[in-house]
Every structure is written in structure tokens, then in C-alpha cells.
Amino acid sequence: MEIEKHPLKPFLPAKAQLLMLGSFPPQKKRWSMDFYYPNLNNDMWRIFGVLFFNDKEHFLNSTRKAFVRERIIDFLNEKCIALFDTASSVRRLQDNASDKFLEVVEATDVAALLRQLPECKAIVTTGQKATDTLRQQFDVEEPKVGDYAEFVFEGRAMRLYRMPSSSRAYPLALDKKAAAYRIMYQDLQILS
């Protein structure tokens, strides 16, 4: 089976306080933009729209058929949020975007990412595959979905938040996903 290398570079704003980690992007044929959470069937940018702009369509273009990459990047820079994934290379065991059919071939060196983000105080994993892959690198308990566990990274106090998957395949309504993320963003003082 073919090994896929991660198609995107880590998005690491210099003053990022939060590092969001998914598992791995869907196949490019499913993308609506060349950036993270590119699939229109993923609710991440709708969650952000609801929380920060009270508009689930805030990051969609006028046709509602694609996300607006530049608007998302400006927002993430303003809010000091970094993005990448816990896997740097994978094998897809089926022709879909499901984490359960992803085999992680090479995990991302998350410690190396954190060293580039000296102000980062929290990591959020979005989904079980991302959480499992991250926990293989750090001595941290697995938090319940919507909660966090504390750990220390090279003398720095950190939190690992385990948030609901933003995939529409995850059986939770958008407003309930947004409510879980709201608590985290308020905790981190990113959302007032």
C-alpha cells in the first residue's frame, strides 16, 4: 500500500498559545481549499464561526462551496492558534477520510513543534486517533472528551485537551461540538 506524506507544512504562528492537532488530512480530491480541515464535510471552521462570529458560515465563500483560506489564516494568526497533525505519513486502508482506516507510518515529532512555539501552553487533539498518537510521545493521561489533562513538557506546564472530532461522521450535532470547544477556548482566554 502506498505511503502518503503529509501534504501541508505545520502552521505555526510565532506567538501561538494553542497547538491544534488532528490525525491526517483527507485525500486531496476531497479538499475545498489548500489548508487544514479542508473538507466541506468537516465542521471545524463552522465551530470557529459559531464561537467567534455567531455565524457557522463565516469562513465559507459566497457560493458556500469552499472555505476561504486567507480569512482562516488571518483569524488563526490573530488568535495565536497553531495547526498540524499527529501523523506525518500514513497508509490509507480504505479510500476514505476515516481515522479508523488510517495506519500511522510516521508520527509527527510534536516535541519539535512545541520547541518552535515557546508561548504554547496547550495542545488540543481532535479525535481518538490523534489523541492515541500524541500520547505515545508524552506521559499524559487521556482526558475525557471535552476535558483536559495536565502534563509537563521540558519544564513547561501544559494541558492536553481532548475535543470531539469535527468530522461530520462523529455523531454529535454542531451546537454540541461548539459548546465543548467554547469551554476550552474560554479556559485558555482565547474566547471571552
N, C-alpha and C. Protein backbone atom coordinates (compact mmCIF):
# COMPACT_ATOMS: atom_id res chain seq x y z
N MET A 1 0.83 -1.19 0.00
CA MET A 1 0.00 0.00 0.00
C MET A 1 0.87 1.25 0.00
N GLU A 2 0.38 2.24 -0.69
CA GLU A 2 1.12 3.49 -0.83
C GLU A 2 1.19 4.25 0.50
N ILE A 3 2.35 4.82 0.77
CA ILE A 3 2.53 5.67 1.96
C ILE A 3 2.33 7.12 1.53
N GLU A 4 1.44 7.82 2.22
CA GLU A 4 1.19 9.24 1.95
C GLU A 4 1.97 10.08 2.94
N LYS A 5 2.72 11.04 2.44
CA LYS A 5 3.40 12.03 3.28
C LYS A 5 2.45 13.19 3.50
N HIS A 6 2.58 13.85 4.63
CA HIS A 6 1.70 14.99 4.93
C HIS A 6 1.86 16.06 3.86
N PRO A 7 0.74 16.53 3.27
CA PRO A 7 0.83 17.47 2.16
C PRO A 7 0.99 18.94 2.57
N LEU A 8 0.91 19.24 3.86
CA LEU A 8 0.97 20.63 4.32
C LEU A 8 2.11 20.82 5.31
N LYS A 9 2.63 22.05 5.36
CA LYS A 9 3.61 22.40 6.37
C LYS A 9 2.87 22.75 7.66
N PRO A 10 3.51 22.56 8.81
CA PRO A 10 2.87 23.00 10.06
C PRO A 10 2.58 24.50 10.00
N PHE A 11 1.43 24.89 10.51
CA PHE A 11 1.06 26.31 10.59
C PHE A 11 1.38 26.74 12.01
N LEU A 12 2.44 27.54 12.18
CA LEU A 12 2.98 27.84 13.50
C LEU A 12 3.17 29.34 13.71
N PRO A 13 2.10 30.07 14.03
CA PRO A 13 2.29 31.49 14.35
C PRO A 13 3.26 31.65 15.52
N ALA A 14 4.14 32.63 15.44
CA ALA A 14 5.22 32.80 16.42
C ALA A 14 4.74 32.86 17.86
N LYS A 15 3.61 33.48 18.11
CA LYS A 15 3.13 33.66 19.48
C LYS A 15 2.00 32.68 19.84
N ALA A 16 1.91 31.58 19.10
CA ALA A 16 0.82 30.61 19.33
C ALA A 16 0.81 30.12 20.77
N GLN A 17 -0.38 30.14 21.37
CA GLN A 17 -0.58 29.64 22.72
C GLN A 17 -1.25 28.27 22.72
N LEU A 18 -1.81 27.89 21.57
CA LEU A 18 -2.53 26.63 21.43
C LEU A 18 -2.07 25.94 20.15
N LEU A 19 -1.81 24.64 20.27
CA LEU A 19 -1.46 23.81 19.12
C LEU A 19 -2.60 22.81 18.92
N MET A 20 -3.31 22.93 17.81
CA MET A 20 -4.39 22.01 17.49
C MET A 20 -3.85 20.91 16.58
N LEU A 21 -4.12 19.66 16.96
CA LEU A 21 -3.61 18.52 16.21
C LEU A 21 -4.74 17.57 15.84
N GLY A 22 -4.96 17.42 14.53
CA GLY A 22 -5.84 16.38 14.04
C GLY A 22 -5.01 15.14 13.80
N SER A 23 -5.54 14.20 13.03
CA SER A 23 -4.77 13.00 12.73
C SER A 23 -4.01 13.14 11.42
N PHE A 24 -4.73 13.40 10.31
CA PHE A 24 -4.11 13.50 8.99
C PHE A 24 -5.18 14.03 8.04
N PRO A 25 -4.81 14.84 7.04
CA PRO A 25 -5.82 15.39 6.12
C PRO A 25 -6.49 14.31 5.27
N PRO A 26 -7.70 14.58 4.83
CA PRO A 26 -8.33 13.67 3.87
C PRO A 26 -7.58 13.71 2.54
N GLN A 27 -7.94 12.81 1.65
CA GLN A 27 -7.31 12.82 0.32
C GLN A 27 -7.61 14.15 -0.37
N LYS A 28 -6.66 14.60 -1.17
CA LYS A 28 -6.77 15.91 -1.82
C LYS A 28 -8.02 16.04 -2.68
N LYS A 29 -8.52 14.96 -3.23
CA LYS A 29 -9.71 15.02 -4.06
C LYS A 29 -10.93 15.47 -3.26
N ARG A 30 -10.86 15.44 -1.93
CA ARG A 30 -11.97 15.86 -1.08
C ARG A 30 -11.82 17.30 -0.55
N TRP A 31 -10.72 17.97 -0.91
CA TRP A 31 -10.45 19.30 -0.36
C TRP A 31 -11.27 20.39 -1.04
N SER A 32 -11.63 21.40 -0.25
CA SER A 32 -12.23 22.61 -0.81
C SER A 32 -11.24 23.77 -0.76
N MET A 33 -10.11 23.56 -0.08
CA MET A 33 -9.04 24.58 -0.02
C MET A 33 -7.75 23.87 0.32
N ASP A 34 -6.65 24.57 0.12
CA ASP A 34 -5.32 24.03 0.37
C ASP A 34 -4.86 24.46 1.77
N PHE A 35 -5.47 23.86 2.81
CA PHE A 35 -5.15 24.18 4.19
C PHE A 35 -5.77 23.12 5.09
N TYR A 36 -5.68 23.31 6.38
CA TYR A 36 -6.17 22.34 7.34
C TYR A 36 -7.69 22.29 7.40
N TYR A 37 -8.21 21.12 7.75
CA TYR A 37 -9.65 20.86 7.80
C TYR A 37 -10.29 21.35 6.50
N PRO A 38 -9.79 20.84 5.35
CA PRO A 38 -10.20 21.37 4.05
C PRO A 38 -11.52 20.81 3.51
N ASN A 39 -11.97 19.72 4.10
CA ASN A 39 -13.15 19.02 3.60
C ASN A 39 -14.42 19.76 4.04
N LEU A 40 -15.31 20.05 3.12
CA LEU A 40 -16.57 20.73 3.48
C LEU A 40 -17.40 19.90 4.44
N ASN A 41 -17.15 18.60 4.51
CA ASN A 41 -17.87 17.75 5.44
C ASN A 41 -17.22 17.72 6.82
N ASN A 42 -16.33 18.64 7.08
CA ASN A 42 -15.72 18.77 8.39
C ASN A 42 -16.23 20.07 9.01
N ASP A 43 -16.59 20.02 10.28
CA ASP A 43 -17.21 21.18 10.93
C ASP A 43 -16.25 22.12 11.64
N MET A 44 -14.93 21.91 11.57
CA MET A 44 -14.02 22.73 12.38
C MET A 44 -14.22 24.23 12.12
N TRP A 45 -14.24 24.63 10.86
CA TRP A 45 -14.35 26.08 10.59
C TRP A 45 -15.76 26.58 10.90
N ARG A 46 -16.76 25.72 10.86
CA ARG A 46 -18.11 26.10 11.31
C ARG A 46 -18.14 26.30 12.83
N ILE A 47 -17.41 25.43 13.55
CA ILE A 47 -17.32 25.58 15.01
C ILE A 47 -16.69 26.93 15.34
N PHE A 48 -15.58 27.25 14.69
CA PHE A 48 -14.95 28.56 14.91
C PHE A 48 -15.91 29.69 14.54
N GLY A 49 -16.62 29.56 13.44
CA GLY A 49 -17.57 30.58 13.02
C GLY A 49 -18.64 30.82 14.07
N VAL A 50 -19.20 29.74 14.61
CA VAL A 50 -20.23 29.84 15.65
C VAL A 50 -19.66 30.53 16.88
N LEU A 51 -18.50 30.09 17.33
CA LEU A 51 -17.94 30.59 18.59
C LEU A 51 -17.48 32.04 18.52
N PHE A 52 -16.80 32.40 17.46
CA PHE A 52 -16.17 33.72 17.41
C PHE A 52 -16.97 34.75 16.62
N PHE A 53 -17.90 34.32 15.75
CA PHE A 53 -18.63 35.27 14.90
C PHE A 53 -20.14 35.04 14.92
N ASN A 54 -20.58 34.06 15.72
CA ASN A 54 -22.01 33.72 15.80
C ASN A 54 -22.59 33.44 14.42
N ASP A 55 -21.76 32.82 13.56
CA ASP A 55 -22.17 32.54 12.18
C ASP A 55 -21.42 31.30 11.68
N LYS A 56 -22.13 30.18 11.58
CA LYS A 56 -21.46 28.95 11.17
C LYS A 56 -20.90 29.01 9.76
N GLU A 57 -21.34 29.96 8.95
CA GLU A 57 -20.87 30.08 7.56
C GLU A 57 -19.82 31.18 7.38
N HIS A 58 -19.32 31.73 8.49
CA HIS A 58 -18.38 32.85 8.43
C HIS A 58 -17.17 32.58 7.54
N PHE A 59 -16.64 31.36 7.56
CA PHE A 59 -15.42 31.05 6.81
C PHE A 59 -15.69 30.45 5.43
N LEU A 60 -16.95 30.39 5.02
CA LEU A 60 -17.29 29.88 3.69
C LEU A 60 -17.26 31.01 2.66
N ASN A 61 -16.98 30.66 1.41
CA ASN A 61 -17.02 31.67 0.35
C ASN A 61 -18.47 31.96 -0.03
N SER A 62 -18.68 32.88 -0.95
CA SER A 62 -20.03 33.32 -1.30
C SER A 62 -20.88 32.20 -1.91
N THR A 63 -20.27 31.21 -2.53
CA THR A 63 -21.04 30.11 -3.11
C THR A 63 -21.33 29.02 -2.08
N ARG A 64 -20.71 29.12 -0.91
CA ARG A 64 -20.84 28.12 0.16
C ARG A 64 -20.28 26.76 -0.25
N LYS A 65 -19.36 26.76 -1.23
CA LYS A 65 -18.78 25.51 -1.71
C LYS A 65 -17.30 25.36 -1.37
N ALA A 66 -16.75 26.33 -0.65
CA ALA A 66 -15.35 26.26 -0.25
C ALA A 66 -15.11 27.18 0.94
N PHE A 67 -14.11 26.83 1.73
CA PHE A 67 -13.69 27.71 2.82
C PHE A 67 -12.74 28.75 2.26
N VAL A 68 -12.68 29.91 2.90
CA VAL A 68 -11.80 31.00 2.47
C VAL A 68 -10.51 30.91 3.29
N ARG A 69 -9.49 30.37 2.68
CA ARG A 69 -8.21 30.10 3.33
C ARG A 69 -7.62 31.35 3.98
N GLU A 70 -7.59 32.46 3.25
CA GLU A 70 -6.97 33.68 3.76
C GLU A 70 -7.69 34.20 5.01
N ARG A 71 -9.01 34.11 5.03
CA ARG A 71 -9.78 34.55 6.20
C ARG A 71 -9.45 33.68 7.41
N ILE A 72 -9.30 32.39 7.17
CA ILE A 72 -8.96 31.45 8.25
C ILE A 72 -7.56 31.74 8.78
N ILE A 73 -6.60 31.94 7.88
CA ILE A 73 -5.21 32.20 8.29
C ILE A 73 -5.12 33.51 9.09
N ASP A 74 -5.80 34.56 8.63
CA ASP A 74 -5.81 35.83 9.38
C ASP A 74 -6.37 35.62 10.79
N PHE A 75 -7.45 34.87 10.88
CA PHE A 75 -8.08 34.60 12.17
C PHE A 75 -7.12 33.83 13.09
N LEU A 76 -6.51 32.77 12.58
CA LEU A 76 -5.61 31.95 13.39
C LEU A 76 -4.39 32.75 13.86
N ASN A 77 -3.86 33.61 13.00
CA ASN A 77 -2.75 34.48 13.42
C ASN A 77 -3.18 35.43 14.52
N GLU A 78 -4.36 36.01 14.37
CA GLU A 78 -4.88 36.94 15.38
C GLU A 78 -5.11 36.25 16.72
N LYS A 79 -5.62 35.02 16.69
CA LYS A 79 -5.94 34.29 17.92
C LYS A 79 -4.78 33.45 18.44
N CYS A 80 -3.65 33.45 17.73
CA CYS A 80 -2.44 32.73 18.14
C CYS A 80 -2.69 31.22 18.28
N ILE A 81 -3.24 30.64 17.21
CA ILE A 81 -3.55 29.21 17.18
C ILE A 81 -2.72 28.54 16.08
N ALA A 82 -1.97 27.52 16.47
CA ALA A 82 -1.14 26.74 15.54
C ALA A 82 -1.88 25.46 15.15
N LEU A 83 -1.55 24.93 13.96
CA LEU A 83 -2.20 23.72 13.46
C LEU A 83 -1.19 22.76 12.84
N PHE A 84 -1.40 21.50 13.09
CA PHE A 84 -0.74 20.44 12.33
C PHE A 84 -1.48 19.15 12.64
N ASP A 85 -0.85 18.02 12.40
CA ASP A 85 -1.47 16.73 12.65
C ASP A 85 -0.48 15.83 13.37
N THR A 86 -1.00 14.80 14.01
CA THR A 86 -0.15 13.90 14.79
C THR A 86 0.58 12.88 13.92
N ALA A 87 0.15 12.71 12.67
CA ALA A 87 0.82 11.79 11.75
C ALA A 87 1.48 12.57 10.62
N SER A 88 2.72 12.22 10.32
CA SER A 88 3.43 12.84 9.20
C SER A 88 3.37 11.99 7.94
N SER A 89 3.15 10.69 8.13
CA SER A 89 2.90 9.82 6.98
C SER A 89 1.99 8.67 7.42
N VAL A 90 1.15 8.26 6.48
CA VAL A 90 0.13 7.23 6.77
C VAL A 90 -0.05 6.30 5.58
N ARG A 91 -0.73 5.21 5.84
CA ARG A 91 -1.30 4.37 4.79
C ARG A 91 -2.81 4.42 4.97
N ARG A 92 -3.52 4.63 3.87
CA ARG A 92 -4.99 4.57 3.91
C ARG A 92 -5.40 3.13 3.61
N LEU A 93 -6.11 2.53 4.53
CA LEU A 93 -6.53 1.15 4.36
C LEU A 93 -7.82 1.05 3.55
N GLN A 94 -8.52 2.19 3.43
CA GLN A 94 -9.70 2.29 2.56
C GLN A 94 -9.68 3.65 1.89
N ASP A 95 -10.43 3.79 0.83
CA ASP A 95 -10.46 5.03 0.05
C ASP A 95 -11.44 6.04 0.67
N ASN A 96 -11.11 6.47 1.91
CA ASN A 96 -11.95 7.48 2.55
C ASN A 96 -11.11 8.27 3.55
N ALA A 97 -11.75 9.18 4.27
CA ALA A 97 -11.04 10.06 5.20
C ALA A 97 -11.14 9.59 6.65
N SER A 98 -11.71 8.44 6.89
CA SER A 98 -11.94 7.95 8.24
C SER A 98 -10.64 7.61 8.96
N ASP A 99 -10.52 8.09 10.20
CA ASP A 99 -9.35 7.77 11.01
C ASP A 99 -9.21 6.28 11.28
N LYS A 100 -10.32 5.57 11.36
CA LYS A 100 -10.21 4.15 11.70
C LYS A 100 -9.56 3.35 10.58
N PHE A 101 -9.47 3.93 9.39
CA PHE A 101 -8.80 3.26 8.28
C PHE A 101 -7.46 3.90 7.94
N LEU A 102 -6.89 4.64 8.92
CA LEU A 102 -5.55 5.23 8.76
C LEU A 102 -4.56 4.42 9.58
N GLU A 103 -3.48 4.03 8.97
CA GLU A 103 -2.37 3.41 9.70
C GLU A 103 -1.26 4.45 9.76
N VAL A 104 -0.88 4.86 10.96
CA VAL A 104 0.19 5.84 11.12
C VAL A 104 1.51 5.14 10.85
N VAL A 105 2.22 5.61 9.84
CA VAL A 105 3.53 5.07 9.48
C VAL A 105 4.61 5.85 10.22
N GLU A 106 4.46 7.17 10.26
CA GLU A 106 5.40 8.04 10.97
C GLU A 106 4.60 9.08 11.74
N ALA A 107 4.79 9.08 13.05
CA ALA A 107 4.14 10.09 13.88
C ALA A 107 4.91 11.40 13.77
N THR A 108 4.19 12.49 13.90
CA THR A 108 4.81 13.82 13.93
C THR A 108 5.61 13.96 15.23
N ASP A 109 6.75 14.59 15.14
CA ASP A 109 7.55 14.89 16.33
C ASP A 109 6.94 16.14 16.97
N VAL A 110 5.98 15.92 17.85
CA VAL A 110 5.25 17.04 18.46
C VAL A 110 6.17 17.85 19.37
N ALA A 111 7.13 17.21 20.01
CA ALA A 111 8.09 17.95 20.85
C ALA A 111 8.84 18.98 20.01
N ALA A 112 9.21 18.63 18.80
CA ALA A 112 9.91 19.57 17.91
C ALA A 112 9.00 20.76 17.57
N LEU A 113 7.72 20.50 17.38
CA LEU A 113 6.78 21.60 17.12
C LEU A 113 6.69 22.51 18.34
N LEU A 114 6.57 21.92 19.52
CA LEU A 114 6.45 22.72 20.75
C LEU A 114 7.69 23.58 21.00
N ARG A 115 8.85 23.07 20.61
CA ARG A 115 10.07 23.87 20.78
C ARG A 115 10.05 25.12 19.89
N GLN A 116 9.30 25.07 18.81
CA GLN A 116 9.14 26.24 17.93
C GLN A 116 8.05 27.19 18.43
N LEU A 117 7.33 26.78 19.45
CA LEU A 117 6.20 27.55 19.98
C LEU A 117 6.41 27.80 21.48
N PRO A 118 7.35 28.68 21.85
CA PRO A 118 7.69 28.85 23.26
C PRO A 118 6.55 29.38 24.14
N GLU A 119 5.52 29.99 23.54
CA GLU A 119 4.41 30.52 24.33
C GLU A 119 3.22 29.55 24.40
N CYS A 120 3.35 28.41 23.75
CA CYS A 120 2.26 27.44 23.71
C CYS A 120 2.08 26.81 25.10
N LYS A 121 0.83 26.80 25.56
CA LYS A 121 0.54 26.23 26.87
C LYS A 121 -0.50 25.11 26.82
N ALA A 122 -0.99 24.83 25.60
CA ALA A 122 -1.99 23.77 25.49
C ALA A 122 -1.95 23.13 24.10
N ILE A 123 -2.30 21.85 24.10
CA ILE A 123 -2.48 21.09 22.87
C ILE A 123 -3.92 20.61 22.88
N VAL A 124 -4.56 20.64 21.73
CA VAL A 124 -5.87 20.01 21.61
C VAL A 124 -5.78 18.94 20.54
N THR A 125 -6.28 17.76 20.86
CA THR A 125 -6.40 16.71 19.85
C THR A 125 -7.86 16.60 19.47
N THR A 126 -8.09 16.46 18.18
CA THR A 126 -9.45 16.38 17.66
C THR A 126 -9.68 14.98 17.11
N GLY A 127 -10.10 14.10 17.98
CA GLY A 127 -10.36 12.73 17.58
C GLY A 127 -9.48 11.73 18.30
N GLN A 128 -9.94 10.48 18.33
CA GLN A 128 -9.24 9.44 19.08
C GLN A 128 -7.89 9.07 18.48
N LYS A 129 -7.79 8.99 17.16
CA LYS A 129 -6.53 8.62 16.52
C LYS A 129 -5.45 9.65 16.88
N ALA A 130 -5.80 10.93 16.81
CA ALA A 130 -4.84 11.99 17.16
C ALA A 130 -4.43 11.89 18.62
N THR A 131 -5.38 11.63 19.50
CA THR A 131 -5.09 11.51 20.93
C THR A 131 -4.17 10.33 21.19
N ASP A 132 -4.49 9.18 20.61
CA ASP A 132 -3.66 7.99 20.81
C ASP A 132 -2.24 8.19 20.29
N THR A 133 -2.12 8.81 19.12
CA THR A 133 -0.81 9.03 18.51
C THR A 133 0.02 10.00 19.36
N LEU A 134 -0.61 11.06 19.85
CA LEU A 134 0.09 12.03 20.69
C LEU A 134 0.55 11.40 22.01
N ARG A 135 -0.31 10.60 22.62
CA ARG A 135 0.01 10.03 23.93
C ARG A 135 1.14 9.01 23.86
N GLN A 136 1.50 8.56 22.66
CA GLN A 136 2.66 7.68 22.53
C GLN A 136 3.96 8.48 22.71
N GLN A 137 3.87 9.81 22.63
CA GLN A 137 5.05 10.66 22.74
C GLN A 137 5.19 11.36 24.09
N PHE A 138 4.10 11.46 24.83
CA PHE A 138 4.11 12.22 26.09
C PHE A 138 3.50 11.39 27.21
N ASP A 139 3.99 11.58 28.39
CA ASP A 139 3.45 10.92 29.57
C ASP A 139 2.29 11.78 30.09
N VAL A 140 1.12 11.52 29.54
CA VAL A 140 -0.06 12.30 29.93
C VAL A 140 -1.27 11.37 29.91
N GLU A 141 -2.12 11.52 30.91
CA GLU A 141 -3.34 10.72 30.96
C GLU A 141 -4.27 11.13 29.82
N GLU A 142 -5.12 10.20 29.41
CA GLU A 142 -6.09 10.54 28.37
C GLU A 142 -7.29 11.25 29.02
N PRO A 143 -7.52 12.50 28.65
CA PRO A 143 -8.68 13.19 29.20
C PRO A 143 -9.97 12.68 28.56
N LYS A 144 -11.06 12.84 29.28
CA LYS A 144 -12.37 12.54 28.70
C LYS A 144 -12.63 13.56 27.59
N VAL A 145 -13.49 13.21 26.64
CA VAL A 145 -13.85 14.14 25.57
C VAL A 145 -14.45 15.40 26.20
N GLY A 146 -13.91 16.56 25.82
CA GLY A 146 -14.36 17.84 26.35
C GLY A 146 -13.60 18.29 27.58
N ASP A 147 -12.60 17.53 28.00
CA ASP A 147 -11.86 17.84 29.22
C ASP A 147 -10.36 17.90 28.90
N TYR A 148 -9.54 18.11 29.93
CA TYR A 148 -8.10 18.17 29.73
C TYR A 148 -7.36 17.42 30.82
N ALA A 149 -6.10 17.11 30.52
CA ALA A 149 -5.16 16.54 31.49
C ALA A 149 -3.92 17.42 31.47
N GLU A 150 -3.29 17.56 32.62
CA GLU A 150 -2.09 18.39 32.70
C GLU A 150 -0.84 17.52 32.60
N PHE A 151 0.20 18.10 32.03
CA PHE A 151 1.49 17.42 31.95
C PHE A 151 2.58 18.49 31.85
N VAL A 152 3.82 18.06 31.94
CA VAL A 152 4.95 18.99 31.86
C VAL A 152 5.79 18.61 30.65
N PHE A 153 6.11 19.61 29.85
CA PHE A 153 6.98 19.42 28.69
C PHE A 153 8.21 20.30 28.87
N GLU A 154 9.36 19.69 29.07
CA GLU A 154 10.63 20.40 29.22
C GLU A 154 10.50 21.58 30.19
N GLY A 155 9.88 21.32 31.33
CA GLY A 155 9.73 22.33 32.38
C GLY A 155 8.53 23.26 32.19
N ARG A 156 7.82 23.10 31.11
CA ARG A 156 6.67 23.97 30.81
C ARG A 156 5.37 23.25 31.18
N ALA A 157 4.54 23.90 32.00
CA ALA A 157 3.23 23.34 32.35
C ALA A 157 2.34 23.39 31.11
N MET A 158 1.74 22.25 30.78
CA MET A 158 0.92 22.14 29.57
C MET A 158 -0.41 21.48 29.92
N ARG A 159 -1.36 21.68 29.02
CA ARG A 159 -2.62 20.96 29.09
C ARG A 159 -2.86 20.25 27.77
N LEU A 160 -3.38 19.04 27.86
CA LEU A 160 -3.86 18.32 26.68
C LEU A 160 -5.38 18.29 26.76
N TYR A 161 -6.01 18.97 25.82
CA TYR A 161 -7.47 18.95 25.71
C TYR A 161 -7.85 17.89 24.69
N ARG A 162 -8.85 17.10 25.01
CA ARG A 162 -9.37 16.09 24.09
C ARG A 162 -10.77 16.56 23.68
N MET A 163 -10.84 17.09 22.47
CA MET A 163 -12.10 17.64 21.98
C MET A 163 -12.80 16.66 21.05
N PRO A 164 -14.11 16.84 20.88
CA PRO A 164 -14.82 15.97 19.94
C PRO A 164 -14.26 16.15 18.53
N SER A 165 -14.32 15.11 17.77
CA SER A 165 -13.92 15.19 16.36
C SER A 165 -14.83 16.20 15.66
N SER A 166 -14.24 16.95 14.74
CA SER A 166 -15.04 17.90 13.97
C SER A 166 -15.62 17.27 12.71
N SER A 167 -15.30 16.00 12.48
CA SER A 167 -15.84 15.29 11.33
C SER A 167 -17.34 15.14 11.46
N ARG A 168 -18.04 15.27 10.37
CA ARG A 168 -19.49 15.06 10.41
C ARG A 168 -19.83 13.59 10.64
N ALA A 169 -18.84 12.72 10.46
CA ALA A 169 -19.06 11.31 10.75
C ALA A 169 -19.18 11.08 12.26
N TYR A 170 -18.65 12.01 13.06
CA TYR A 170 -18.75 11.92 14.51
C TYR A 170 -20.18 12.29 14.90
N PRO A 171 -20.89 11.42 15.58
CA PRO A 171 -22.33 11.62 15.80
C PRO A 171 -22.66 12.62 16.91
N LEU A 172 -22.33 13.87 16.67
CA LEU A 172 -22.64 14.93 17.63
C LEU A 172 -23.01 16.18 16.83
N ALA A 173 -24.09 16.81 17.20
CA ALA A 173 -24.57 18.00 16.49
C ALA A 173 -23.57 19.15 16.60
N LEU A 174 -23.56 20.01 15.60
CA LEU A 174 -22.64 21.15 15.55
C LEU A 174 -22.72 21.99 16.83
N ASP A 175 -23.91 22.28 17.32
CA ASP A 175 -24.02 23.12 18.51
C ASP A 175 -23.42 22.44 19.74
N LYS A 176 -23.49 21.13 19.82
CA LYS A 176 -22.89 20.42 20.95
C LYS A 176 -21.36 20.37 20.82
N LYS A 177 -20.86 20.23 19.60
CA LYS A 177 -19.42 20.30 19.39
C LYS A 177 -18.93 21.69 19.77
N ALA A 178 -19.63 22.72 19.30
CA ALA A 178 -19.23 24.11 19.59
C ALA A 178 -19.24 24.37 21.10
N ALA A 179 -20.21 23.81 21.81
CA ALA A 179 -20.29 24.02 23.27
C ALA A 179 -19.05 23.46 23.96
N ALA A 180 -18.58 22.29 23.52
CA ALA A 180 -17.37 21.70 24.11
C ALA A 180 -16.15 22.57 23.82
N TYR A 181 -16.04 23.03 22.59
CA TYR A 181 -14.90 23.88 22.22
C TYR A 181 -14.98 25.24 22.93
N ARG A 182 -16.18 25.75 23.14
CA ARG A 182 -16.35 27.05 23.83
C ARG A 182 -15.69 27.00 25.21
N ILE A 183 -15.93 25.93 25.95
CA ILE A 183 -15.36 25.80 27.30
C ILE A 183 -13.83 25.86 27.23
N MET A 184 -13.24 25.13 26.27
CA MET A 184 -11.79 25.12 26.14
C MET A 184 -11.26 26.51 25.80
N TYR A 185 -11.86 27.16 24.81
CA TYR A 185 -11.37 28.49 24.39
C TYR A 185 -11.54 29.52 25.48
N GLN A 186 -12.60 29.41 26.29
CA GLN A 186 -12.76 30.32 27.43
C GLN A 186 -11.71 30.03 28.50
N ASP A 187 -11.48 28.75 28.76
CA ASP A 187 -10.43 28.32 29.70
C ASP A 187 -9.09 28.94 29.35
N LEU A 188 -8.76 28.92 28.07
CA LEU A 188 -7.47 29.40 27.58
C LEU A 188 -7.47 30.92 27.34
N GLN A 189 -8.57 31.56 27.61
CA GLN A 189 -8.74 33.02 27.43
C GLN A 189 -8.53 33.46 25.99
N ILE A 190 -8.90 32.58 25.06
CA ILE A 190 -8.87 32.92 23.64
C ILE A 190 -10.24 33.46 23.22
N LEU A 191 -11.26 33.04 23.96
CA LEU A 191 -12.64 33.48 23.73
C LEU A 191 -13.14 34.04 25.05
N SER A 192 -13.70 35.26 24.99
CA SER A 192 -14.18 35.86 26.26
C SER A 192 -15.59 35.45 26.55
